[in-house]
Amino acid sequence: MEENQDLLTFMKLRERVGLTQRELAQYMGVTVTTISAWENGRHEPKLTIQQMKRLMEILDCSLEDLAEAVQNANRKNPLTDS
């Protein structure tokens, strides 16, 4: 299955601000494995409102962008538990 290049993804949001997975993990207080799981649709972020705000600040994105990235990650891996 070919990935649509126009889909907004966690990876695109992260790369747009020039962060590595390791850097984002450090900023968010999670592991690199967690960031990878978010990007690959293996797990949805389970964040508090404060953590969500922090992630939006770090990624310089809107709540809508973040929601779209989660939705697109789930499309990538349809077996993800919601």
PDB file of N, CA and C in Angstrom:
ATOM      1  N   MET A   1       0.842  -1.177   0.000  1.00  0.00           N
ATOM      2  CA  MET A   1       0.000   0.000   0.000  1.00  0.00           C
ATOM      3  C   MET A   1       0.887   1.240   0.000  1.00  0.00           C
ATOM      4  N   GLU A   2       0.661   2.123  -0.927  1.00  0.00           N
ATOM      5  CA  GLU A   2       1.459   3.332  -1.053  1.00  0.00           C
ATOM      6  C   GLU A   2       0.916   4.413  -0.133  1.00  0.00           C
ATOM      7  N   GLU A   3       1.798   5.095   0.605  1.00  0.00           N
ATOM      8  CA  GLU A   3       1.384   6.144   1.524  1.00  0.00           C
ATOM      9  C   GLU A   3       1.140   7.428   0.750  1.00  0.00           C
ATOM     10  N   ASN A   4       0.026   8.089   1.019  1.00  0.00           N
ATOM     11  CA  ASN A   4      -0.311   9.359   0.396  1.00  0.00           C
ATOM     12  C   ASN A   4       0.626  10.430   0.944  1.00  0.00           C
ATOM     13  N   GLN A   5       1.365  11.088   0.072  1.00  0.00           N
ATOM     14  CA  GLN A   5       2.347  12.082   0.487  1.00  0.00           C
ATOM     15  C   GLN A   5       1.698  13.347   1.047  1.00  0.00           C
ATOM     16  N   ASP A   6       0.394  13.547   0.786  1.00  0.00           N
ATOM     17  CA  ASP A   6      -0.296  14.736   1.265  1.00  0.00           C
ATOM     18  C   ASP A   6      -0.852  14.572   2.677  1.00  0.00           C
ATOM     19  N   LEU A   7      -0.861  13.349   3.205  1.00  0.00           N
ATOM     20  CA  LEU A   7      -1.402  13.122   4.540  1.00  0.00           C
ATOM     21  C   LEU A   7      -0.527  13.790   5.591  1.00  0.00           C
ATOM     22  N   LEU A   8      -1.175  14.485   6.511  1.00  0.00           N
ATOM     23  CA  LEU A   8      -0.462  15.075   7.635  1.00  0.00           C
ATOM     24  C   LEU A   8      -0.192  13.976   8.655  1.00  0.00           C
ATOM     25  N   THR A   9       1.041  13.802   9.042  1.00  0.00           N
ATOM     26  CA  THR A   9       1.417  12.744   9.973  1.00  0.00           C
ATOM     27  C   THR A   9       2.237  13.318  11.128  1.00  0.00           C
ATOM     28  N   PHE A  10       2.345  12.533  12.204  1.00  0.00           N
ATOM     29  CA  PHE A  10       3.202  12.939  13.317  1.00  0.00           C
ATOM     30  C   PHE A  10       4.624  13.186  12.840  1.00  0.00           C
ATOM     31  N   MET A  11       5.107  12.306  11.986  1.00  0.00           N
ATOM     32  CA  MET A  11       6.470  12.459  11.488  1.00  0.00           C
ATOM     33  C   MET A  11       6.631  13.793  10.757  1.00  0.00           C
ATOM     34  N   LYS A  12       5.663  14.131   9.913  1.00  0.00           N
ATOM     35  CA  LYS A  12       5.747  15.410   9.187  1.00  0.00           C
ATOM     36  C   LYS A  12       5.698  16.586  10.149  1.00  0.00           C
ATOM     37  N   LEU A  13       4.826  16.515  11.156  1.00  0.00           N
ATOM     38  CA  LEU A  13       4.763  17.599  12.140  1.00  0.00           C
ATOM     39  C   LEU A  13       6.095  17.739  12.868  1.00  0.00           C
ATOM     40  N   ARG A  14       6.672  16.605  13.270  1.00  0.00           N
ATOM     41  CA  ARG A  14       7.945  16.611  13.998  1.00  0.00           C
ATOM     42  C   ARG A  14       9.077  17.133  13.124  1.00  0.00           C
ATOM     43  N   GLU A  15       9.143  16.621  11.903  1.00  0.00           N
ATOM     44  CA  GLU A  15      10.221  17.022  11.000  1.00  0.00           C
ATOM     45  C   GLU A  15      10.092  18.481  10.563  1.00  0.00           C
ATOM     46  N   ARG A  16       8.867  18.966  10.476  1.00  0.00           N
ATOM     47  CA  ARG A  16       8.630  20.358  10.074  1.00  0.00           C
ATOM     48  C   ARG A  16       9.295  21.335  11.045  1.00  0.00           C
ATOM     49  N   VAL A  17       9.384  20.958  12.325  1.00  0.00           N
ATOM     50  CA  VAL A  17      10.033  21.835  13.309  1.00  0.00           C
ATOM     51  C   VAL A  17      11.476  21.411  13.578  1.00  0.00           C
ATOM     52  N   GLY A  18      11.972  20.430  12.829  1.00  0.00           N
ATOM     53  CA  GLY A  18      13.378  20.051  12.883  1.00  0.00           C
ATOM     54  C   GLY A  18      13.783  19.231  14.089  1.00  0.00           C
ATOM     55  N   LEU A  19      12.850  18.439  14.634  1.00  0.00           N
ATOM     56  CA  LEU A  19      13.170  17.618  15.796  1.00  0.00           C
ATOM     57  C   LEU A  19      13.373  16.161  15.408  1.00  0.00           C
ATOM     58  N   THR A  20      14.253  15.501  16.143  1.00  0.00           N
ATOM     59  CA  THR A  20      14.392  14.055  16.017  1.00  0.00           C
ATOM     60  C   THR A  20      13.368  13.400  16.938  1.00  0.00           C
ATOM     61  N   GLN A  21      13.168  12.110  16.762  1.00  0.00           N
ATOM     62  CA  GLN A  21      12.290  11.381  17.678  1.00  0.00           C
ATOM     63  C   GLN A  21      12.811  11.493  19.112  1.00  0.00           C
ATOM     64  N   ARG A  22      14.104  11.394  19.270  1.00  0.00           N
ATOM     65  CA  ARG A  22      14.719  11.467  20.600  1.00  0.00           C
ATOM     66  C   ARG A  22      14.449  12.831  21.249  1.00  0.00           C
ATOM     67  N   GLU A  23      14.614  13.900  20.489  1.00  0.00           N
ATOM     68  CA  GLU A  23      14.384  15.236  21.042  1.00  0.00           C
ATOM     69  C   GLU A  23      12.920  15.419  21.454  1.00  0.00           C
ATOM     70  N   LEU A  24      11.992  14.991  20.590  1.00  0.00           N
ATOM     71  CA  LEU A  24      10.572  15.118  20.924  1.00  0.00           C
ATOM     72  C   LEU A  24      10.243  14.285  22.157  1.00  0.00           C
ATOM     73  N   ALA A  25      10.804  13.087  22.235  1.00  0.00           N
ATOM     74  CA  ALA A  25      10.580  12.232  23.399  1.00  0.00           C
ATOM     75  C   ALA A  25      11.064  12.919  24.678  1.00  0.00           C
ATOM     76  N   GLN A  26      12.224  13.544  24.620  1.00  0.00           N
ATOM     77  CA  GLN A  26      12.757  14.243  25.792  1.00  0.00           C
ATOM     78  C   GLN A  26      11.851  15.399  26.192  1.00  0.00           C
ATOM     79  N   TYR A  27      11.398  16.184  25.225  1.00  0.00           N
ATOM     80  CA  TYR A  27      10.511  17.308  25.515  1.00  0.00           C
ATOM     81  C   TYR A  27       9.191  16.854  26.131  1.00  0.00           C
ATOM     82  N   MET A  28       8.711  15.694  25.682  1.00  0.00           N
ATOM     83  CA  MET A  28       7.413  15.203  26.152  1.00  0.00           C
ATOM     84  C   MET A  28       7.515  14.292  27.371  1.00  0.00           C
ATOM     85  N   GLY A  29       8.734  13.878  27.737  1.00  0.00           N
ATOM     86  CA  GLY A  29       8.906  13.000  28.889  1.00  0.00           C
ATOM     87  C   GLY A  29       8.436  11.580  28.615  1.00  0.00           C
ATOM     88  N   VAL A  30       8.603  11.139  27.370  1.00  0.00           N
ATOM     89  CA  VAL A  30       8.249   9.771  26.978  1.00  0.00           C
ATOM     90  C   VAL A  30       9.458   9.129  26.315  1.00  0.00           C
ATOM     91  N   THR A  31       9.335   7.868  25.960  1.00  0.00           N
ATOM     92  CA  THR A  31      10.454   7.173  25.312  1.00  0.00           C
ATOM     93  C   THR A  31      10.426   7.378  23.796  1.00  0.00           C
ATOM     94  N   VAL A  32      11.548   7.124  23.177  1.00  0.00           N
ATOM     95  CA  VAL A  32      11.627   7.160  21.715  1.00  0.00           C
ATOM     96  C   VAL A  32      10.692   6.111  21.124  1.00  0.00           C
ATOM     97  N   THR A  33      10.568   4.985  21.795  1.00  0.00           N
ATOM     98  CA  THR A  33       9.657   3.928  21.341  1.00  0.00           C
ATOM     99  C   THR A  33       8.221   4.435  21.293  1.00  0.00           C
ATOM    100  N   THR A  34       7.840   5.258  22.265  1.00  0.00           N
ATOM    101  CA  THR A  34       6.496   5.835  22.279  1.00  0.00           C
ATOM    102  C   THR A  34       6.292   6.753  21.085  1.00  0.00           C
ATOM    103  N   ILE A  35       7.255   7.611  20.812  1.00  0.00           N
ATOM    104  CA  ILE A  35       7.143   8.520  19.663  1.00  0.00           C
ATOM    105  C   ILE A  35       7.031   7.706  18.378  1.00  0.00           C
ATOM    106  N   SER A  36       7.854   6.687  18.240  1.00  0.00           N
ATOM    107  CA  SER A  36       7.804   5.817  17.064  1.00  0.00           C
ATOM    108  C   SER A  36       6.433   5.156  16.932  1.00  0.00           C
ATOM    109  N   ALA A  37       5.881   4.705  18.050  1.00  0.00           N
ATOM    110  CA  ALA A  37       4.563   4.058  18.033  1.00  0.00           C
ATOM    111  C   ALA A  37       3.483   5.043  17.596  1.00  0.00           C
ATOM    112  N   TRP A  38       3.579   6.299  18.034  1.00  0.00           N
ATOM    113  CA  TRP A  38       2.617   7.320  17.593  1.00  0.00           C
ATOM    114  C   TRP A  38       2.745   7.524  16.090  1.00  0.00           C
ATOM    115  N   GLU A  39       3.976   7.620  15.610  1.00  0.00           N
ATOM    116  CA  GLU A  39       4.199   7.894  14.189  1.00  0.00           C
ATOM    117  C   GLU A  39       3.766   6.736  13.296  1.00  0.00           C
ATOM    118  N   ASN A  40       3.853   5.523  13.802  1.00  0.00           N
ATOM    119  CA  ASN A  40       3.519   4.349  12.994  1.00  0.00           C
ATOM    120  C   ASN A  40       2.110   3.824  13.234  1.00  0.00           C
ATOM    121  N   GLY A  41       1.351   4.524  14.077  1.00  0.00           N
ATOM    122  CA  GLY A  41      -0.024   4.128  14.327  1.00  0.00           C
ATOM    123  C   GLY A  41      -0.190   2.903  15.205  1.00  0.00           C
ATOM    124  N   ARG A  42       0.868   2.520  15.907  1.00  0.00           N
ATOM    125  CA  ARG A  42       0.756   1.372  16.809  1.00  0.00           C
ATOM    126  C   ARG A  42       0.021   1.742  18.089  1.00  0.00           C
ATOM    127  N   HIS A  43       0.130   3.013  18.508  1.00  0.00           N
ATOM    128  CA  HIS A  43      -0.555   3.508  19.703  1.00  0.00           C
ATOM    129  C   HIS A  43      -0.986   4.944  19.461  1.00  0.00           C
ATOM    130  N   GLU A  44      -2.149   5.286  19.987  1.00  0.00           N
ATOM    131  CA  GLU A  44      -2.577   6.681  19.978  1.00  0.00           C
ATOM    132  C   GLU A  44      -2.009   7.362  21.211  1.00  0.00           C
ATOM    133  N   PRO A  45      -1.682   8.635  21.080  1.00  0.00           N
ATOM    134  CA  PRO A  45      -1.234   9.358  22.267  1.00  0.00           C
ATOM    135  C   PRO A  45      -2.367   9.426  23.295  1.00  0.00           C
ATOM    136  N   LYS A  46      -2.070   9.097  24.514  1.00  0.00           N
ATOM    137  CA  LYS A  46      -3.028   9.230  25.613  1.00  0.00           C
ATOM    138  C   LYS A  46      -2.469  10.348  26.500  1.00  0.00           C
ATOM    139  N   LEU A  47      -2.909  11.571  26.214  1.00  0.00           N
ATOM    140  CA  LEU A  47      -2.318  12.750  26.834  1.00  0.00           C
ATOM    141  C   LEU A  47      -3.331  13.532  27.655  1.00  0.00           C
ATOM    142  N   THR A  48      -2.842  14.171  28.709  1.00  0.00           N
ATOM    143  CA  THR A  48      -3.665  15.110  29.458  1.00  0.00           C
ATOM    144  C   THR A  48      -3.804  16.378  28.624  1.00  0.00           C
ATOM    145  N   ILE A  49      -4.684  17.256  29.040  1.00  0.00           N
ATOM    146  CA  ILE A  49      -4.838  18.529  28.319  1.00  0.00           C
ATOM    147  C   ILE A  49      -3.529  19.303  28.336  1.00  0.00           C
ATOM    148  N   GLN A  50      -2.839  19.309  29.467  1.00  0.00           N
ATOM    149  CA  GLN A  50      -1.560  20.009  29.560  1.00  0.00           C
ATOM    150  C   GLN A  50      -0.524  19.410  28.604  1.00  0.00           C
ATOM    151  N   GLN A  51      -0.477  18.091  28.532  1.00  0.00           N
ATOM    152  CA  GLN A  51       0.467  17.435  27.620  1.00  0.00           C
ATOM    153  C   GLN A  51       0.107  17.734  26.162  1.00  0.00           C
ATOM    154  N   MET A  52      -1.201  17.769  25.869  1.00  0.00           N
ATOM    155  CA  MET A  52      -1.640  18.078  24.508  1.00  0.00           C
ATOM    156  C   MET A  52      -1.222  19.502  24.125  1.00  0.00           C
ATOM    157  N   LYS A  53      -1.413  20.436  25.053  1.00  0.00           N
ATOM    158  CA  LYS A  53      -0.994  21.818  24.799  1.00  0.00           C
ATOM    159  C   LYS A  53       0.510  21.881  24.560  1.00  0.00           C
ATOM    160  N   ARG A  54       1.248  21.158  25.388  1.00  0.00           N
ATOM    161  CA  ARG A  54       2.716  21.140  25.247  1.00  0.00           C
ATOM    162  C   ARG A  54       3.121  20.585  23.883  1.00  0.00           C
ATOM    163  N   LEU A  55       2.484  19.489  23.478  1.00  0.00           N
ATOM    164  CA  LEU A  55       2.804  18.890  22.182  1.00  0.00           C
ATOM    165  C   LEU A  55       2.475  19.853  21.042  1.00  0.00           C
ATOM    166  N   MET A  56       1.346  20.555  21.152  1.00  0.00           N
ATOM    167  CA  MET A  56       0.977  21.527  20.118  1.00  0.00           C
ATOM    168  C   MET A  56       1.988  22.667  20.066  1.00  0.00           C
ATOM    169  N   GLU A  57       2.480  23.108  21.231  1.00  0.00           N
ATOM    170  CA  GLU A  57       3.495  24.164  21.270  1.00  0.00           C
ATOM    171  C   GLU A  57       4.799  23.680  20.643  1.00  0.00           C
ATOM    172  N   ILE A  58       5.228  22.489  21.028  1.00  0.00           N
ATOM    173  CA  ILE A  58       6.494  21.945  20.524  1.00  0.00           C
ATOM    174  C   ILE A  58       6.433  21.768  19.011  1.00  0.00           C
ATOM    175  N   LEU A  59       5.313  21.220  18.518  1.00  0.00           N
ATOM    176  CA  LEU A  59       5.177  20.945  17.085  1.00  0.00           C
ATOM    177  C   LEU A  59       4.658  22.147  16.307  1.00  0.00           C
ATOM    178  N   ASP A  60       4.362  23.236  17.020  1.00  0.00           N
ATOM    179  CA  ASP A  60       3.846  24.455  16.401  1.00  0.00           C
ATOM    180  C   ASP A  60       2.679  24.127  15.467  1.00  0.00           C
ATOM    181  N   CYS A  61       1.676  23.438  16.035  1.00  0.00           N
ATOM    182  CA  CYS A  61       0.534  23.014  15.232  1.00  0.00           C
ATOM    183  C   CYS A  61      -0.762  23.243  16.003  1.00  0.00           C
ATOM    184  N   SER A  62      -1.856  23.149  15.294  1.00  0.00           N
ATOM    185  CA  SER A  62      -3.174  23.319  15.896  1.00  0.00           C
ATOM    186  C   SER A  62      -3.692  21.978  16.415  1.00  0.00           C
ATOM    187  N   LEU A  63      -4.753  22.052  17.190  1.00  0.00           N
ATOM    188  CA  LEU A  63      -5.414  20.840  17.655  1.00  0.00           C
ATOM    189  C   LEU A  63      -5.946  20.044  16.469  1.00  0.00           C
ATOM    190  N   GLU A  64      -6.422  20.742  15.465  1.00  0.00           N
ATOM    191  CA  GLU A  64      -6.928  20.075  14.257  1.00  0.00           C
ATOM    192  C   GLU A  64      -5.817  19.309  13.543  1.00  0.00           C
ATOM    193  N   ASP A  65      -4.625  19.914  13.462  1.00  0.00           N
ATOM    194  CA  ASP A  65      -3.481  19.229  12.847  1.00  0.00           C
ATOM    195  C   ASP A  65      -3.127  17.962  13.617  1.00  0.00           C
ATOM    196  N   LEU A  66      -3.130  18.077  14.937  1.00  0.00           N
ATOM    197  CA  LEU A  66      -2.794  16.933  15.777  1.00  0.00           C
ATOM    198  C   LEU A  66      -3.827  15.815  15.623  1.00  0.00           C
ATOM    199  N   ALA A  67      -5.102  16.192  15.613  1.00  0.00           N
ATOM    200  CA  ALA A  67      -6.176  15.207  15.438  1.00  0.00           C
ATOM    201  C   ALA A  67      -6.072  14.529  14.077  1.00  0.00           C
ATOM    202  N   GLU A  68      -5.749  15.305  13.052  1.00  0.00           N
ATOM    203  CA  GLU A  68      -5.587  14.735  11.709  1.00  0.00           C
ATOM    204  C   GLU A  68      -4.418  13.756  11.670  1.00  0.00           C
ATOM    205  N   ALA A  69      -3.321  14.096  12.333  1.00  0.00           N
ATOM    206  CA  ALA A  69      -2.156  13.207  12.367  1.00  0.00           C
ATOM    207  C   ALA A  69      -2.501  11.892  13.056  1.00  0.00           C
ATOM    208  N   VAL A  70      -3.272  11.951  14.147  1.00  0.00           N
ATOM    209  CA  VAL A  70      -3.699  10.732  14.845  1.00  0.00           C
ATOM    210  C   VAL A  70      -4.575   9.895  13.925  1.00  0.00           C
ATOM    211  N   GLN A  71      -5.525  10.540  13.286  1.00  0.00           N
ATOM    212  CA  GLN A  71      -6.430   9.828  12.377  1.00  0.00           C
ATOM    213  C   GLN A  71      -5.659   9.170  11.234  1.00  0.00           C
ATOM    214  N   ASN A  72      -4.703   9.877  10.677  1.00  0.00           N
ATOM    215  CA  ASN A  72      -3.926   9.322   9.571  1.00  0.00           C
ATOM    216  C   ASN A  72      -3.018   8.192  10.025  1.00  0.00           C
ATOM    217  N   ALA A  73      -2.501   8.269  11.254  1.00  0.00           N
ATOM    218  CA  ALA A  73      -1.691   7.173  11.788  1.00  0.00           C
ATOM    219  C   ALA A  73      -2.555   5.933  11.937  1.00  0.00           C
ATOM    220  N   ASN A  74      -3.806   6.120  12.354  1.00  0.00           N
ATOM    221  CA  ASN A  74      -4.712   4.980  12.500  1.00  0.00           C
ATOM    222  C   ASN A  74      -5.048   4.356  11.153  1.00  0.00           C
ATOM    223  N   ARG A  75      -5.104   5.160  10.105  1.00  0.00           N
ATOM    224  CA  ARG A  75      -5.324   4.618   8.759  1.00  0.00           C
ATOM    225  C   ARG A  75      -4.149   3.759   8.323  1.00  0.00           C
ATOM    226  N   LYS A  76      -2.955   4.172   8.748  1.00  0.00           N
ATOM    227  CA  LYS A  76      -1.737   3.453   8.409  1.00  0.00           C
ATOM    228  C   LYS A  76      -1.747   2.066   9.045  1.00  0.00           C
ATOM    229  N   ASN A  77      -2.324   1.985  10.268  1.00  0.00           N
ATOM    230  CA  ASN A  77      -2.377   0.731  10.994  1.00  0.00           C
ATOM    231  C   ASN A  77      -3.805   0.519  11.474  1.00  0.00           C
ATOM    232  N   PRO A  78      -4.660  -0.115  10.671  1.00  0.00           N
ATOM    233  CA  PRO A  78      -6.067  -0.250  11.023  1.00  0.00           C
ATOM    234  C   PRO A  78      -6.315  -1.139  12.239  1.00  0.00           C
ATOM    235  N   LEU A  79      -5.315  -1.801  12.762  1.00  0.00           N
ATOM    236  CA  LEU A  79      -5.492  -2.663  13.930  1.00  0.00           C
ATOM    237  C   LEU A  79      -5.318  -1.907  15.244  1.00  0.00           C
ATOM    238  N   THR A  80      -5.033  -0.597  15.180  1.00  0.00           N
ATOM    239  CA  THR A  80      -4.834   0.196  16.380  1.00  0.00           C
ATOM    240  C   THR A  80      -6.111   0.229  17.194  1.00  0.00           C
ATOM    241  N   ASP A  81      -5.991  -0.012  18.500  1.00  0.00           N
ATOM    242  CA  ASP A  81      -7.139   0.088  19.399  1.00  0.00           C
ATOM    243  C   ASP A  81      -7.458   1.558  19.637  1.00  0.00           C
ATOM    244  N   SER A  82      -8.701   1.928  19.515  1.00  0.00           N
ATOM    245  CA  SER A  82      -9.100   3.313  19.765  1.00  0.00           C
ATOM    246  C   SER A  82      -9.678   3.469  21.138  1.00  0.00           C
TER     247      SER A  82
END
